[in-house]
Amino acid sequence: MLLIPFVENAFKHGKVTEDAEWLWIDMNVDEAGRLLFSCINTKVDKRKDLTGRHWHREC
């Protein structure tokens, strides 16, 4: 249950709706019994200015 927000945010803030985009989730337990968790996604290039509004880079 503690890891659900990470996976949800990967979908929410990533771009995994197109074929060229991806989400990779890996979970393992090492020899010492530690949980190793990775959640990596392609990221949408949206940034926010200091007021919290989205801004888009001009090309």
PDB file of N, CA and C in Angstrom:
ATOM      1  N   MET A   1       0.820  -1.188   0.000  1.00  0.00           N
ATOM      2  CA  MET A   1       0.000   0.000   0.000  1.00  0.00           C
ATOM      3  C   MET A   1       0.874   1.266   0.000  1.00  0.00           C
ATOM      4  N   LEU A   2       2.046   1.189   0.574  1.00  0.00           N
ATOM      5  CA  LEU A   2       2.905   2.374   0.615  1.00  0.00           C
ATOM      6  C   LEU A   2       3.458   2.763  -0.755  1.00  0.00           C
ATOM      7  N   LEU A   3       3.525   1.834  -1.670  1.00  0.00           N
ATOM      8  CA  LEU A   3       4.112   2.104  -2.976  1.00  0.00           C
ATOM      9  C   LEU A   3       3.080   2.547  -4.018  1.00  0.00           C
ATOM     10  N   ILE A   4       1.802   2.412  -3.724  1.00  0.00           N
ATOM     11  CA  ILE A   4       0.743   2.773  -4.671  1.00  0.00           C
ATOM     12  C   ILE A   4       0.859   4.217  -5.148  1.00  0.00           C
ATOM     13  N   PRO A   5       1.109   5.215  -4.285  1.00  0.00           N
ATOM     14  CA  PRO A   5       1.229   6.597  -4.779  1.00  0.00           C
ATOM     15  C   PRO A   5       2.332   6.784  -5.822  1.00  0.00           C
ATOM     16  N   PHE A   6       3.418   6.040  -5.713  1.00  0.00           N
ATOM     17  CA  PHE A   6       4.493   6.155  -6.698  1.00  0.00           C
ATOM     18  C   PHE A   6       4.027   5.666  -8.065  1.00  0.00           C
ATOM     19  N   VAL A   7       3.316   4.554  -8.082  1.00  0.00           N
ATOM     20  CA  VAL A   7       2.815   4.012  -9.343  1.00  0.00           C
ATOM     21  C   VAL A   7       1.732   4.931  -9.918  1.00  0.00           C
ATOM     22  N   GLU A   8       0.836   5.414  -9.080  1.00  0.00           N
ATOM     23  CA  GLU A   8      -0.208   6.337  -9.539  1.00  0.00           C
ATOM     24  C   GLU A   8       0.406   7.604 -10.144  1.00  0.00           C
ATOM     25  N   ASN A   9       1.408   8.159  -9.497  1.00  0.00           N
ATOM     26  CA  ASN A   9       2.063   9.366 -10.006  1.00  0.00           C
ATOM     27  C   ASN A   9       2.803   9.098 -11.308  1.00  0.00           C
ATOM     28  N   ALA A  10       3.339   7.899 -11.469  1.00  0.00           N
ATOM     29  CA  ALA A  10       4.009   7.567 -12.722  1.00  0.00           C
ATOM     30  C   ALA A  10       3.031   7.617 -13.887  1.00  0.00           C
ATOM     31  N   PHE A  11       1.800   7.170 -13.664  1.00  0.00           N
ATOM     32  CA  PHE A  11       0.777   7.258 -14.703  1.00  0.00           C
ATOM     33  C   PHE A  11       0.277   8.687 -14.852  1.00  0.00           C
ATOM     34  N   LYS A  12       0.049   9.357 -13.732  1.00  0.00           N
ATOM     35  CA  LYS A  12      -0.524  10.700 -13.768  1.00  0.00           C
ATOM     36  C   LYS A  12       0.423  11.708 -14.414  1.00  0.00           C
ATOM     37  N   HIS A  13       1.694  11.677 -14.044  1.00  0.00           N
ATOM     38  CA  HIS A  13       2.656  12.668 -14.510  1.00  0.00           C
ATOM     39  C   HIS A  13       3.512  12.180 -15.670  1.00  0.00           C
ATOM     40  N   GLY A  14       3.363  10.934 -16.034  1.00  0.00           N
ATOM     41  CA  GLY A  14       4.099  10.397 -17.173  1.00  0.00           C
ATOM     42  C   GLY A  14       3.249  10.445 -18.415  1.00  0.00           C
ATOM     43  N   LYS A  15       3.808   9.944 -19.463  1.00  0.00           N
ATOM     44  CA  LYS A  15       3.084   9.915 -20.736  1.00  0.00           C
ATOM     45  C   LYS A  15       3.131   8.483 -21.243  1.00  0.00           C
ATOM     46  N   VAL A  16       2.196   7.671 -20.805  1.00  0.00           N
ATOM     47  CA  VAL A  16       2.208   6.251 -21.156  1.00  0.00           C
ATOM     48  C   VAL A  16       0.997   5.870 -21.992  1.00  0.00           C
ATOM     49  N   THR A  17       0.410   6.828 -22.690  1.00  0.00           N
ATOM     50  CA  THR A  17      -0.764   6.541 -23.494  1.00  0.00           C
ATOM     51  C   THR A  17      -0.416   6.208 -24.943  1.00  0.00           C
ATOM     52  N   GLU A  18       0.790   6.474 -25.371  1.00  0.00           N
ATOM     53  CA  GLU A  18       1.204   6.219 -26.738  1.00  0.00           C
ATOM     54  C   GLU A  18       2.137   5.017 -26.789  1.00  0.00           C
ATOM     55  N   ASP A  19       2.243   4.407 -27.958  1.00  0.00           N
ATOM     56  CA  ASP A  19       3.072   3.205 -28.108  1.00  0.00           C
ATOM     57  C   ASP A  19       4.543   3.454 -27.834  1.00  0.00           C
ATOM     58  N   ALA A  20       5.041   4.643 -28.128  1.00  0.00           N
ATOM     59  CA  ALA A  20       6.461   4.943 -27.971  1.00  0.00           C
ATOM     60  C   ALA A  20       6.829   5.271 -26.525  1.00  0.00           C
ATOM     61  N   GLU A  21       5.857   5.442 -25.676  1.00  0.00           N
ATOM     62  CA  GLU A  21       6.111   5.801 -24.272  1.00  0.00           C
ATOM     63  C   GLU A  21       6.059   4.543 -23.417  1.00  0.00           C
ATOM     64  N   TRP A  22       6.631   4.618 -22.218  1.00  0.00           N
ATOM     65  CA  TRP A  22       6.714   3.409 -21.410  1.00  0.00           C
ATOM     66  C   TRP A  22       6.695   3.720 -19.914  1.00  0.00           C
ATOM     67  N   LEU A  23       6.403   2.700 -19.144  1.00  0.00           N
ATOM     68  CA  LEU A  23       6.447   2.731 -17.683  1.00  0.00           C
ATOM     69  C   LEU A  23       7.114   1.435 -17.246  1.00  0.00           C
ATOM     70  N   TRP A  24       8.145   1.551 -16.431  1.00  0.00           N
ATOM     71  CA  TRP A  24       8.889   0.376 -15.974  1.00  0.00           C
ATOM     72  C   TRP A  24       8.824   0.328 -14.459  1.00  0.00           C
ATOM     73  N   ILE A  25       8.320  -0.768 -13.918  1.00  0.00           N
ATOM     74  CA  ILE A  25       8.214  -0.962 -12.472  1.00  0.00           C
ATOM     75  C   ILE A  25       8.963  -2.235 -12.118  1.00  0.00           C
ATOM     76  N   ASP A  26       9.849  -2.140 -11.139  1.00  0.00           N
ATOM     77  CA  ASP A  26      10.634  -3.292 -10.714  1.00  0.00           C
ATOM     78  C   ASP A  26      10.623  -3.355  -9.194  1.00  0.00           C
ATOM     79  N   MET A  27      10.375  -4.551  -8.660  1.00  0.00           N
ATOM     80  CA  MET A  27      10.357  -4.734  -7.217  1.00  0.00           C
ATOM     81  C   MET A  27      11.066  -6.043  -6.887  1.00  0.00           C
ATOM     82  N   ASN A  28      12.037  -5.967  -5.997  1.00  0.00           N
ATOM     83  CA  ASN A  28      12.805  -7.137  -5.588  1.00  0.00           C
ATOM     84  C   ASN A  28      13.094  -7.061  -4.097  1.00  0.00           C
ATOM     85  N   VAL A  29      13.480  -8.182  -3.544  1.00  0.00           N
ATOM     86  CA  VAL A  29      13.958  -8.241  -2.166  1.00  0.00           C
ATOM     87  C   VAL A  29      15.371  -8.791  -2.225  1.00  0.00           C
ATOM     88  N   ASP A  30      16.328  -8.048  -1.632  1.00  0.00           N
ATOM     89  CA  ASP A  30      17.719  -8.502  -1.679  1.00  0.00           C
ATOM     90  C   ASP A  30      17.994  -9.529  -0.585  1.00  0.00           C
ATOM     91  N   GLU A  31      19.245  -9.991  -0.519  1.00  0.00           N
ATOM     92  CA  GLU A  31      19.623 -11.037   0.437  1.00  0.00           C
ATOM     93  C   GLU A  31      19.429 -10.618   1.886  1.00  0.00           C
ATOM     94  N   ALA A  32      19.508  -9.310   2.149  1.00  0.00           N
ATOM     95  CA  ALA A  32      19.346  -8.803   3.514  1.00  0.00           C
ATOM     96  C   ALA A  32      17.873  -8.587   3.869  1.00  0.00           C
ATOM     97  N   GLY A  33      16.977  -8.884   2.926  1.00  0.00           N
ATOM     98  CA  GLY A  33      15.556  -8.725   3.193  1.00  0.00           C
ATOM     99  C   GLY A  33      15.030  -7.321   2.938  1.00  0.00           C
ATOM    100  N   ARG A  34      15.829  -6.487   2.280  1.00  0.00           N
ATOM    101  CA  ARG A  34      15.392  -5.121   1.977  1.00  0.00           C
ATOM    102  C   ARG A  34      14.604  -5.104   0.676  1.00  0.00           C
ATOM    103  N   LEU A  35      13.550  -4.321   0.669  1.00  0.00           N
ATOM    104  CA  LEU A  35      12.736  -4.152  -0.527  1.00  0.00           C
ATOM    105  C   LEU A  35      13.399  -3.126  -1.433  1.00  0.00           C
ATOM    106  N   LEU A  36      13.591  -3.487  -2.691  1.00  0.00           N
ATOM    107  CA  LEU A  36      14.160  -2.582  -3.693  1.00  0.00           C
ATOM    108  C   LEU A  36      13.053  -2.289  -4.698  1.00  0.00           C
ATOM    109  N   PHE A  37      12.705  -1.018  -4.848  1.00  0.00           N
ATOM    110  CA  PHE A  37      11.594  -0.621  -5.703  1.00  0.00           C
ATOM    111  C   PHE A  37      12.039   0.477  -6.652  1.00  0.00           C
ATOM    112  N   SER A  38      11.749   0.304  -7.935  1.00  0.00           N
ATOM    113  CA  SER A  38      12.032   1.323  -8.940  1.00  0.00           C
ATOM    114  C   SER A  38      10.786   1.513  -9.778  1.00  0.00           C
ATOM    115  N   CYS A  39      10.483   2.764 -10.069  1.00  0.00           N
ATOM    116  CA  CYS A  39       9.347   3.104 -10.912  1.00  0.00           C
ATOM    117  C   CYS A  39       9.813   4.228 -11.835  1.00  0.00           C
ATOM    118  N   ILE A  40       9.992   3.913 -13.117  1.00  0.00           N
ATOM    119  CA  ILE A  40      10.557   4.857 -14.076  1.00  0.00           C
ATOM    120  C   ILE A  40       9.593   4.985 -15.241  1.00  0.00           C
ATOM    121  N   ASN A  41       9.371   6.228 -15.687  1.00  0.00           N
ATOM    122  CA  ASN A  41       8.471   6.457 -16.810  1.00  0.00           C
ATOM    123  C   ASN A  41       9.033   7.520 -17.731  1.00  0.00           C
ATOM    124  N   THR A  42       8.426   7.609 -18.911  1.00  0.00           N
ATOM    125  CA  THR A  42       8.729   8.738 -19.776  1.00  0.00           C
ATOM    126  C   THR A  42       7.959   9.923 -19.223  1.00  0.00           C
ATOM    127  N   LYS A  43       8.551  11.080 -19.290  1.00  0.00           N
ATOM    128  CA  LYS A  43       7.986  12.252 -18.631  1.00  0.00           C
ATOM    129  C   LYS A  43       7.502  13.257 -19.661  1.00  0.00           C
ATOM    130  N   VAL A  44       6.340  13.799 -19.415  1.00  0.00           N
ATOM    131  CA  VAL A  44       5.814  14.859 -20.261  1.00  0.00           C
ATOM    132  C   VAL A  44       6.626  16.113 -19.990  1.00  0.00           C
ATOM    133  N   ASP A  45       6.979  16.847 -21.042  1.00  0.00           N
ATOM    134  CA  ASP A  45       7.783  18.057 -20.871  1.00  0.00           C
ATOM    135  C   ASP A  45       6.875  19.250 -20.573  1.00  0.00           C
ATOM    136  N   LYS A  46       6.300  19.241 -19.386  1.00  0.00           N
ATOM    137  CA  LYS A  46       5.500  20.377 -18.923  1.00  0.00           C
ATOM    138  C   LYS A  46       6.164  20.894 -17.657  1.00  0.00           C
ATOM    139  N   ARG A  47       6.342  22.178 -17.595  1.00  0.00           N
ATOM    140  CA  ARG A  47       6.936  22.783 -16.404  1.00  0.00           C
ATOM    141  C   ARG A  47       5.988  23.835 -15.884  1.00  0.00           C
ATOM    142  N   LYS A  48       6.107  24.149 -14.630  1.00  0.00           N
ATOM    143  CA  LYS A  48       5.269  25.170 -14.028  1.00  0.00           C
ATOM    144  C   LYS A  48       6.114  26.377 -13.668  1.00  0.00           C
ATOM    145  N   ASP A  49       5.531  27.553 -13.795  1.00  0.00           N
ATOM    146  CA  ASP A  49       6.244  28.739 -13.338  1.00  0.00           C
ATOM    147  C   ASP A  49       6.048  28.869 -11.828  1.00  0.00           C
ATOM    148  N   LEU A  50       6.549  29.915 -11.238  1.00  0.00           N
ATOM    149  CA  LEU A  50       6.498  30.068  -9.781  1.00  0.00           C
ATOM    150  C   LEU A  50       5.081  30.227  -9.245  1.00  0.00           C
ATOM    151  N   THR A  51       4.121  30.615 -10.088  1.00  0.00           N
ATOM    152  CA  THR A  51       2.737  30.767  -9.638  1.00  0.00           C
ATOM    153  C   THR A  51       1.965  29.465  -9.733  1.00  0.00           C
ATOM    154  N   GLY A  52       2.566  28.427 -10.288  1.00  0.00           N
ATOM    155  CA  GLY A  52       1.909  27.146 -10.413  1.00  0.00           C
ATOM    156  C   GLY A  52       1.226  26.950 -11.749  1.00  0.00           C
ATOM    157  N   ARG A  53       1.263  27.956 -12.624  1.00  0.00           N
ATOM    158  CA  ARG A  53       0.677  27.808 -13.952  1.00  0.00           C
ATOM    159  C   ARG A  53       1.661  27.093 -14.872  1.00  0.00           C
ATOM    160  N   HIS A  54       1.121  26.337 -15.814  1.00  0.00           N
ATOM    161  CA  HIS A  54       1.970  25.660 -16.780  1.00  0.00           C
ATOM    162  C   HIS A  54       2.564  26.649 -17.762  1.00  0.00           C
ATOM    163  N   TRP A  55       3.774  26.442 -18.155  1.00  0.00           N
ATOM    164  CA  TRP A  55       4.374  27.237 -19.217  1.00  0.00           C
ATOM    165  C   TRP A  55       4.933  26.270 -20.235  1.00  0.00           C
ATOM    166  N   HIS A  56       5.000  26.696 -21.464  1.00  0.00           N
ATOM    167  CA  HIS A  56       5.501  25.856 -22.547  1.00  0.00           C
ATOM    168  C   HIS A  56       6.685  26.558 -23.192  1.00  0.00           C
ATOM    169  N   ARG A  57       7.708  25.794 -23.457  1.00  0.00           N
ATOM    170  CA  ARG A  57       8.913  26.320 -24.067  1.00  0.00           C
ATOM    171  C   ARG A  57       8.629  26.699 -25.509  1.00  0.00           C
ATOM    172  N   GLU A  58       9.054  27.885 -25.885  1.00  0.00           N
ATOM    173  CA  GLU A  58       8.889  28.364 -27.261  1.00  0.00           C
ATOM    174  C   GLU A  58       9.997  27.764 -28.112  1.00  0.00           C
ATOM    175  N   CYS A  59       9.649  27.273 -29.277  1.00  0.00           N
ATOM    176  CA  CYS A  59      10.656  26.689 -30.186  1.00  0.00           C
ATOM    177  C   CYS A  59      11.121  27.704 -31.187  1.00  0.00           C
TER     178      CYS A  59
END
